[in-house]
């Protein structure tokens, strides 16, 4: 397996419906990558524990001050979207992510990633998105926008 390109867009929302719609559109055949979710994330003494992403996302929709992250693996090997991700930021936003394989031929062809970013921006009706390579996104809406602004210069 080669490197993955991570394509991210951000929205100022905690809508579970938008999260479900995103997953059903971009990753209809998926499996959660974890079997437990903690609040605070990775805590030895969590205040909340969930056994599936659906319950976690319902909680995070109502509790905007908790950051968290959820990952899914695509079970359809033929689909270009290999992983889906949702990052709940510390300031109440959501970062939606898709991982795709990069072109390892050495010719620096980024068409695969570029097309996904265009599709995601259109789907979410936003211009705030970027592509990174095997790197998590910024932790807040403000930092995410700063990265986008730097990349556009």
N, C-alpha and C. Protein backbone atom coordinates (compact mmCIF):
# COMPACT_ATOMS: atom_id res chain seq x y z
N UNK A 1 0.84 -1.18 0.00
CA UNK A 1 0.00 0.00 0.00
C UNK A 1 0.88 1.23 0.00
N UNK A 2 0.49 2.23 -0.75
CA UNK A 2 1.25 3.47 -0.84
C UNK A 2 0.79 4.49 0.18
N UNK A 3 1.16 5.70 -0.09
CA UNK A 3 0.77 6.80 0.78
C UNK A 3 -0.67 7.20 0.53
N UNK A 4 -1.27 7.80 1.55
CA UNK A 4 -2.63 8.28 1.44
C UNK A 4 -2.66 9.80 1.40
N UNK A 5 -3.52 10.31 0.58
CA UNK A 5 -3.81 11.74 0.56
C UNK A 5 -5.06 11.95 1.40
N UNK A 6 -5.02 12.92 2.29
CA UNK A 6 -6.15 13.24 3.14
C UNK A 6 -6.78 14.54 2.65
N UNK A 7 -8.05 14.47 2.29
CA UNK A 7 -8.77 15.60 1.72
C UNK A 7 -9.76 16.06 2.79
N UNK A 8 -9.67 17.34 3.18
CA UNK A 8 -10.46 17.86 4.29
C UNK A 8 -11.27 19.09 3.89
N UNK A 9 -12.48 19.17 4.43
CA UNK A 9 -13.28 20.39 4.40
C UNK A 9 -13.85 20.59 5.80
N UNK A 10 -14.19 21.83 6.11
CA UNK A 10 -14.70 22.14 7.45
C UNK A 10 -16.03 22.86 7.36
N UNK A 11 -16.87 22.61 8.33
CA UNK A 11 -18.16 23.30 8.44
C UNK A 11 -18.37 23.68 9.90
N UNK A 12 -18.97 24.85 10.11
CA UNK A 12 -19.31 25.30 11.46
C UNK A 12 -20.65 24.70 11.84
N UNK A 13 -20.63 23.45 12.22
CA UNK A 13 -21.83 22.72 12.60
C UNK A 13 -21.42 21.51 13.42
N UNK A 14 -22.38 20.93 14.10
CA UNK A 14 -22.22 19.64 14.76
C UNK A 14 -23.38 18.73 14.35
N UNK A 15 -23.92 18.95 13.18
CA UNK A 15 -25.09 18.23 12.70
C UNK A 15 -24.81 16.75 12.47
N UNK A 16 -25.50 15.90 13.21
CA UNK A 16 -25.37 14.47 13.00
C UNK A 16 -25.95 14.08 11.64
N UNK A 17 -27.00 14.73 11.23
CA UNK A 17 -27.58 14.44 9.92
C UNK A 17 -26.57 14.71 8.81
N UNK A 18 -25.86 15.84 8.90
CA UNK A 18 -24.84 16.14 7.89
C UNK A 18 -23.74 15.08 7.91
N UNK A 19 -23.35 14.62 9.10
CA UNK A 19 -22.33 13.57 9.21
C UNK A 19 -22.81 12.28 8.55
N UNK A 20 -24.05 11.89 8.85
CA UNK A 20 -24.60 10.67 8.24
C UNK A 20 -24.70 10.81 6.73
N UNK A 21 -25.15 11.96 6.26
CA UNK A 21 -25.27 12.19 4.81
C UNK A 21 -23.91 12.11 4.13
N UNK A 22 -22.90 12.72 4.75
CA UNK A 22 -21.53 12.67 4.24
C UNK A 22 -21.07 11.21 4.09
N UNK A 23 -21.24 10.44 5.16
CA UNK A 23 -20.80 9.04 5.13
C UNK A 23 -21.56 8.23 4.09
N UNK A 24 -22.86 8.43 4.02
CA UNK A 24 -23.65 7.67 3.05
C UNK A 24 -23.31 8.04 1.61
N UNK A 25 -22.90 9.29 1.39
CA UNK A 25 -22.53 9.73 0.05
C UNK A 25 -21.13 9.27 -0.35
N UNK A 26 -20.16 9.50 0.52
CA UNK A 26 -18.76 9.25 0.17
C UNK A 26 -18.25 7.86 0.57
N UNK A 27 -18.90 7.24 1.53
CA UNK A 27 -18.42 5.95 2.04
C UNK A 27 -19.61 5.07 2.42
N UNK A 28 -20.46 4.72 1.46
CA UNK A 28 -21.68 3.97 1.80
C UNK A 28 -21.41 2.58 2.37
N UNK A 29 -20.30 1.98 2.02
CA UNK A 29 -19.92 0.66 2.53
C UNK A 29 -18.75 0.83 3.47
N UNK A 30 -19.04 0.90 4.75
CA UNK A 30 -18.00 1.26 5.71
C UNK A 30 -18.09 0.41 6.98
N UNK A 31 -16.96 0.42 7.69
CA UNK A 31 -16.87 -0.22 8.99
C UNK A 31 -16.13 0.73 9.91
N UNK A 32 -16.65 0.91 11.11
CA UNK A 32 -15.98 1.76 12.09
C UNK A 32 -14.59 1.21 12.39
N UNK A 33 -13.66 2.12 12.63
CA UNK A 33 -12.29 1.70 12.91
C UNK A 33 -12.02 1.50 14.39
N UNK A 34 -13.00 1.80 15.24
CA UNK A 34 -12.84 1.61 16.69
C UNK A 34 -14.09 0.91 17.22
N UNK A 35 -13.95 0.34 18.41
CA UNK A 35 -15.12 -0.30 19.02
C UNK A 35 -15.52 0.36 20.33
N UNK A 36 -14.81 1.43 20.70
CA UNK A 36 -15.22 2.24 21.84
C UNK A 36 -14.75 3.67 21.63
N UNK A 37 -15.51 4.59 22.21
CA UNK A 37 -15.22 6.01 22.07
C UNK A 37 -15.36 6.64 23.45
N UNK A 38 -14.37 7.44 23.81
CA UNK A 38 -14.32 8.02 25.15
C UNK A 38 -14.40 9.53 25.11
N UNK A 39 -15.01 10.10 26.15
CA UNK A 39 -15.01 11.54 26.38
C UNK A 39 -14.42 11.75 27.76
N UNK A 40 -13.35 12.51 27.92
CA UNK A 40 -12.48 13.01 26.87
C UNK A 40 -11.79 11.87 26.12
N UNK A 41 -11.47 12.16 24.88
CA UNK A 41 -10.84 11.17 24.02
C UNK A 41 -9.54 10.67 24.63
N UNK A 42 -9.30 9.38 24.58
CA UNK A 42 -8.09 8.71 25.09
C UNK A 42 -7.90 8.84 26.60
N UNK A 43 -8.96 9.15 27.32
CA UNK A 43 -8.86 9.37 28.76
C UNK A 43 -8.76 8.05 29.52
N UNK A 44 -7.98 8.07 30.62
CA UNK A 44 -7.95 6.93 31.54
C UNK A 44 -9.16 6.94 32.46
N UNK A 45 -9.76 8.13 32.60
CA UNK A 45 -10.94 8.29 33.45
C UNK A 45 -12.02 9.03 32.67
N UNK A 46 -12.63 8.39 31.69
CA UNK A 46 -13.62 9.09 30.86
C UNK A 46 -14.89 9.44 31.63
N UNK A 47 -15.49 10.54 31.23
CA UNK A 47 -16.78 10.92 31.81
C UNK A 47 -17.94 10.30 31.04
N UNK A 48 -17.67 9.90 29.79
CA UNK A 48 -18.67 9.23 28.95
C UNK A 48 -17.97 8.17 28.11
N UNK A 49 -18.66 7.05 27.89
CA UNK A 49 -18.16 5.98 27.03
C UNK A 49 -19.28 5.57 26.08
N UNK A 50 -18.89 5.34 24.82
CA UNK A 50 -19.86 4.92 23.80
C UNK A 50 -19.32 3.70 23.09
N UNK A 51 -20.22 2.79 22.72
CA UNK A 51 -19.78 1.57 22.05
C UNK A 51 -19.93 1.63 20.54
N UNK A 52 -20.39 2.78 20.01
CA UNK A 52 -20.43 2.94 18.55
C UNK A 52 -20.40 4.42 18.19
N UNK A 53 -20.02 4.68 16.95
CA UNK A 53 -19.87 6.05 16.48
C UNK A 53 -21.20 6.80 16.44
N UNK A 54 -22.27 6.10 16.15
CA UNK A 54 -23.58 6.74 16.08
C UNK A 54 -23.96 7.40 17.41
N UNK A 55 -23.75 6.69 18.50
CA UNK A 55 -24.04 7.24 19.84
C UNK A 55 -23.11 8.41 20.15
N UNK A 56 -21.84 8.26 19.80
CA UNK A 56 -20.88 9.34 20.03
C UNK A 56 -21.28 10.59 19.25
N UNK A 57 -21.64 10.43 17.99
CA UNK A 57 -22.01 11.59 17.16
C UNK A 57 -23.27 12.27 17.68
N UNK A 58 -24.21 11.52 18.21
CA UNK A 58 -25.40 12.12 18.81
C UNK A 58 -25.01 12.96 20.03
N UNK A 59 -24.10 12.44 20.84
CA UNK A 59 -23.62 13.18 22.01
C UNK A 59 -22.88 14.46 21.58
N UNK A 60 -21.99 14.34 20.60
CA UNK A 60 -21.17 15.48 20.18
C UNK A 60 -22.01 16.56 19.49
N UNK A 61 -23.12 16.18 18.88
CA UNK A 61 -24.00 17.17 18.27
C UNK A 61 -24.55 18.12 19.34
N UNK A 62 -24.82 17.61 20.53
CA UNK A 62 -25.41 18.40 21.61
C UNK A 62 -24.36 19.02 22.53
N UNK A 63 -23.13 18.56 22.44
CA UNK A 63 -22.06 19.00 23.34
C UNK A 63 -20.89 19.51 22.51
N UNK A 64 -21.01 20.75 22.06
CA UNK A 64 -20.06 21.31 21.09
C UNK A 64 -18.67 21.60 21.62
N UNK A 65 -18.49 21.54 22.92
CA UNK A 65 -17.17 21.90 23.46
C UNK A 65 -16.22 20.70 23.56
N UNK A 66 -16.67 19.52 23.20
CA UNK A 66 -15.81 18.35 23.25
C UNK A 66 -15.20 18.05 21.88
N UNK A 67 -13.88 17.99 21.80
CA UNK A 67 -13.26 17.53 20.55
C UNK A 67 -13.25 16.00 20.52
N UNK A 68 -13.25 15.45 19.33
CA UNK A 68 -13.16 14.00 19.17
C UNK A 68 -12.92 13.70 17.71
N UNK A 69 -12.62 12.46 17.41
CA UNK A 69 -12.40 12.05 16.02
C UNK A 69 -12.94 10.64 15.82
N UNK A 70 -13.49 10.43 14.62
CA UNK A 70 -14.07 9.13 14.29
C UNK A 70 -13.57 8.74 12.90
N UNK A 71 -13.19 7.47 12.77
CA UNK A 71 -12.65 6.95 11.51
C UNK A 71 -13.46 5.74 11.04
N UNK A 72 -13.58 5.63 9.73
CA UNK A 72 -14.23 4.47 9.11
C UNK A 72 -13.33 3.96 7.99
N UNK A 73 -13.38 2.66 7.76
CA UNK A 73 -12.66 2.02 6.66
C UNK A 73 -13.70 1.63 5.61
N UNK A 74 -13.36 1.86 4.35
CA UNK A 74 -14.26 1.48 3.28
C UNK A 74 -14.15 -0.03 3.07
N UNK A 75 -15.27 -0.72 3.03
CA UNK A 75 -15.26 -2.17 2.80
C UNK A 75 -15.35 -2.51 1.32
N UNK A 76 -15.56 -1.50 0.48
CA UNK A 76 -15.58 -1.69 -0.98
C UNK A 76 -14.19 -1.36 -1.52
N UNK A 77 -13.41 -2.39 -1.79
CA UNK A 77 -12.02 -2.21 -2.22
C UNK A 77 -11.90 -1.44 -3.54
N UNK A 78 -12.93 -1.45 -4.36
CA UNK A 78 -12.88 -0.77 -5.66
C UNK A 78 -13.12 0.74 -5.56
N UNK A 79 -13.68 1.18 -4.46
CA UNK A 79 -13.99 2.60 -4.27
C UNK A 79 -12.69 3.38 -4.07
N UNK A 80 -12.60 4.55 -4.68
CA UNK A 80 -11.41 5.40 -4.53
C UNK A 80 -11.25 5.93 -3.11
N UNK A 81 -12.36 6.12 -2.40
CA UNK A 81 -12.33 6.63 -1.03
C UNK A 81 -12.01 5.47 -0.08
N UNK A 82 -10.81 5.45 0.46
CA UNK A 82 -10.36 4.33 1.28
C UNK A 82 -10.77 4.46 2.74
N UNK A 83 -10.82 5.69 3.24
CA UNK A 83 -11.20 5.94 4.64
C UNK A 83 -12.03 7.21 4.70
N UNK A 84 -12.93 7.25 5.67
CA UNK A 84 -13.68 8.46 5.97
C UNK A 84 -13.38 8.87 7.40
N UNK A 85 -13.40 10.17 7.64
CA UNK A 85 -13.06 10.68 8.96
C UNK A 85 -13.94 11.88 9.27
N UNK A 86 -14.27 12.01 10.54
CA UNK A 86 -14.91 13.24 11.01
C UNK A 86 -14.18 13.65 12.27
N UNK A 87 -13.71 14.88 12.27
CA UNK A 87 -13.02 15.47 13.41
C UNK A 87 -13.92 16.54 14.01
N UNK A 88 -14.27 16.38 15.26
CA UNK A 88 -15.06 17.38 15.98
C UNK A 88 -14.06 18.30 16.67
N UNK A 89 -14.08 19.57 16.30
CA UNK A 89 -13.08 20.51 16.81
C UNK A 89 -13.48 21.04 18.18
N UNK A 90 -12.50 21.63 18.83
CA UNK A 90 -12.71 22.19 20.17
C UNK A 90 -13.62 23.41 20.16
N UNK A 91 -13.88 23.97 18.99
CA UNK A 91 -14.71 25.17 18.89
C UNK A 91 -16.03 24.93 18.16
N UNK A 92 -16.52 23.69 18.17
CA UNK A 92 -17.86 23.40 17.68
C UNK A 92 -18.00 23.15 16.20
N UNK A 93 -16.91 23.02 15.47
CA UNK A 93 -16.99 22.74 14.03
C UNK A 93 -16.74 21.26 13.77
N UNK A 94 -16.93 20.87 12.52
CA UNK A 94 -16.65 19.50 12.09
C UNK A 94 -15.76 19.55 10.85
N UNK A 95 -14.72 18.73 10.87
CA UNK A 95 -13.87 18.57 9.70
C UNK A 95 -14.19 17.20 9.10
N UNK A 96 -14.55 17.21 7.84
CA UNK A 96 -14.89 15.99 7.12
C UNK A 96 -13.69 15.60 6.28
N UNK A 97 -13.30 14.34 6.35
CA UNK A 97 -12.12 13.91 5.62
C UNK A 97 -12.32 12.62 4.85
N UNK A 98 -11.62 12.54 3.74
CA UNK A 98 -11.57 11.34 2.91
C UNK A 98 -10.09 11.05 2.65
N UNK A 99 -9.70 9.79 2.77
CA UNK A 99 -8.35 9.37 2.40
C UNK A 99 -8.42 8.58 1.10
N UNK A 100 -7.52 8.94 0.19
CA UNK A 100 -7.39 8.24 -1.09
C UNK A 100 -5.93 7.90 -1.31
N UNK A 101 -5.69 6.83 -2.08
CA UNK A 101 -4.32 6.49 -2.45
C UNK A 101 -3.74 7.58 -3.34
N UNK A 102 -2.45 7.82 -3.17
CA UNK A 102 -1.77 8.79 -4.02
C UNK A 102 -1.11 8.08 -5.18
N UNK A 103 -0.76 8.84 -6.20
CA UNK A 103 -0.06 8.31 -7.37
C UNK A 103 1.40 8.10 -6.99
N UNK A 104 1.83 6.86 -6.97
CA UNK A 104 3.20 6.55 -6.57
C UNK A 104 4.13 6.36 -7.76
N UNK A 105 3.70 6.79 -8.95
CA UNK A 105 4.52 6.57 -10.15
C UNK A 105 5.68 7.55 -10.25
N UNK A 106 5.69 8.55 -9.39
CA UNK A 106 6.77 9.52 -9.41
C UNK A 106 6.51 10.71 -10.30
N UNK A 107 5.35 10.77 -10.98
CA UNK A 107 5.09 11.90 -11.87
C UNK A 107 4.29 13.01 -11.19
N UNK A 108 4.08 12.88 -9.89
CA UNK A 108 3.41 13.92 -9.08
C UNK A 108 2.01 14.27 -9.60
N UNK A 109 1.29 13.29 -10.08
CA UNK A 109 -0.07 13.49 -10.55
C UNK A 109 -1.00 13.53 -9.33
N UNK A 110 -1.64 14.66 -9.09
CA UNK A 110 -2.54 14.81 -7.94
C UNK A 110 -4.00 14.90 -8.36
N UNK A 111 -4.31 14.48 -9.57
CA UNK A 111 -5.68 14.60 -10.08
C UNK A 111 -6.69 13.87 -9.18
N UNK A 112 -6.34 12.70 -8.68
CA UNK A 112 -7.22 11.91 -7.81
C UNK A 112 -7.64 12.73 -6.58
N UNK A 113 -6.67 13.31 -5.91
CA UNK A 113 -6.94 14.12 -4.72
C UNK A 113 -7.69 15.41 -5.08
N UNK A 114 -7.24 16.05 -6.14
CA UNK A 114 -7.85 17.32 -6.56
C UNK A 114 -9.33 17.14 -6.88
N UNK A 115 -9.67 16.06 -7.58
CA UNK A 115 -11.07 15.81 -7.93
C UNK A 115 -11.91 15.56 -6.68
N UNK A 116 -11.35 14.87 -5.70
CA UNK A 116 -12.08 14.62 -4.46
C UNK A 116 -12.32 15.92 -3.71
N UNK A 117 -11.31 16.79 -3.64
CA UNK A 117 -11.49 18.07 -2.96
C UNK A 117 -12.56 18.90 -3.65
N UNK A 118 -12.55 18.93 -4.96
CA UNK A 118 -13.58 19.66 -5.71
C UNK A 118 -14.96 19.10 -5.38
N UNK A 119 -15.09 17.77 -5.39
CA UNK A 119 -16.37 17.14 -5.09
C UNK A 119 -16.83 17.44 -3.67
N UNK A 120 -15.91 17.38 -2.71
CA UNK A 120 -16.27 17.66 -1.32
C UNK A 120 -16.68 19.11 -1.12
N UNK A 121 -15.95 20.04 -1.73
CA UNK A 121 -16.31 21.45 -1.62
C UNK A 121 -17.70 21.70 -2.20
N UNK A 122 -17.98 21.08 -3.32
CA UNK A 122 -19.30 21.23 -3.94
C UNK A 122 -20.37 20.61 -3.05
N UNK A 123 -20.13 19.42 -2.56
CA UNK A 123 -21.10 18.71 -1.72
C UNK A 123 -21.44 19.54 -0.48
N UNK A 124 -20.43 20.12 0.15
CA UNK A 124 -20.63 20.88 1.39
C UNK A 124 -20.87 22.37 1.15
N UNK A 125 -20.88 22.79 -0.10
CA UNK A 125 -21.09 24.19 -0.46
C UNK A 125 -20.14 25.10 0.32
N UNK A 126 -18.85 24.82 0.16
CA UNK A 126 -17.82 25.60 0.84
C UNK A 126 -16.58 25.69 -0.03
N UNK A 127 -15.76 26.68 0.24
CA UNK A 127 -14.45 26.80 -0.40
C UNK A 127 -13.33 26.55 0.60
N UNK A 128 -13.70 26.13 1.80
CA UNK A 128 -12.71 25.97 2.86
C UNK A 128 -12.32 24.49 2.96
N UNK A 129 -11.24 24.15 2.28
CA UNK A 129 -10.75 22.79 2.30
C UNK A 129 -9.33 22.72 1.80
N UNK A 130 -8.67 21.63 2.11
CA UNK A 130 -7.30 21.44 1.63
C UNK A 130 -6.94 19.95 1.60
N UNK A 131 -5.82 19.67 0.96
CA UNK A 131 -5.29 18.32 0.86
C UNK A 131 -3.99 18.25 1.65
N UNK A 132 -3.85 17.20 2.42
CA UNK A 132 -2.61 16.97 3.15
C UNK A 132 -2.26 15.50 2.95
N UNK A 133 -1.08 15.12 3.32
CA UNK A 133 -0.62 13.75 3.09
C UNK A 133 -0.26 13.09 4.41
N UNK A 134 -1.11 12.13 4.79
CA UNK A 134 -0.93 11.35 6.02
C UNK A 134 -0.66 12.25 7.22
N UNK A 135 -1.54 13.23 7.39
CA UNK A 135 -1.40 14.18 8.47
C UNK A 135 -2.79 14.60 8.93
N UNK A 136 -3.06 14.60 10.23
CA UNK A 136 -4.38 15.03 10.69
C UNK A 136 -4.59 16.52 10.43
N UNK A 137 -5.85 16.94 10.39
CA UNK A 137 -6.13 18.35 10.12
C UNK A 137 -5.90 19.23 11.36
N UNK A 138 -6.06 20.52 11.18
CA UNK A 138 -5.96 21.48 12.28
C UNK A 138 -7.02 21.15 13.34
N UNK A 139 -6.81 21.65 14.57
CA UNK A 139 -7.71 21.31 15.67
C UNK A 139 -8.87 22.27 15.87
N UNK A 140 -8.87 23.37 15.13
CA UNK A 140 -9.94 24.35 15.32
C UNK A 140 -10.32 24.97 13.97
N UNK A 141 -11.48 25.60 13.97
CA UNK A 141 -11.94 26.27 12.75
C UNK A 141 -10.95 27.35 12.34
N UNK A 142 -10.52 28.15 13.30
CA UNK A 142 -9.59 29.25 13.00
C UNK A 142 -8.27 28.73 12.40
N UNK A 143 -7.69 27.70 13.00
CA UNK A 143 -6.43 27.15 12.50
C UNK A 143 -6.61 26.51 11.11
N UNK A 144 -7.76 25.88 10.90
CA UNK A 144 -8.04 25.27 9.61
C UNK A 144 -8.08 26.34 8.53
N UNK A 145 -8.79 27.43 8.79
CA UNK A 145 -8.89 28.54 7.83
C UNK A 145 -7.52 29.16 7.58
N UNK A 146 -6.70 29.28 8.61
CA UNK A 146 -5.34 29.82 8.44
C UNK A 146 -4.53 28.94 7.49
N UNK A 147 -4.64 27.62 7.63
CA UNK A 147 -3.92 26.72 6.72
C UNK A 147 -4.40 26.91 5.29
N UNK A 148 -5.72 26.96 5.10
CA UNK A 148 -6.28 27.16 3.76
C UNK A 148 -5.77 28.47 3.17
N UNK A 149 -5.78 29.53 3.94
CA UNK A 149 -5.30 30.83 3.45
C UNK A 149 -3.83 30.80 3.06
N UNK A 150 -3.00 30.12 3.82
CA UNK A 150 -1.58 29.99 3.49
C UNK A 150 -1.38 29.19 2.20
N UNK A 151 -2.16 28.14 2.03
CA UNK A 151 -2.03 27.30 0.85
C UNK A 151 -2.48 28.02 -0.43
N UNK A 152 -3.40 28.95 -0.29
CA UNK A 152 -3.93 29.67 -1.45
C UNK A 152 -3.03 30.81 -1.90
N UNK A 153 -2.04 31.15 -1.11
CA UNK A 153 -1.14 32.26 -1.47
C UNK A 153 -0.12 31.82 -2.49
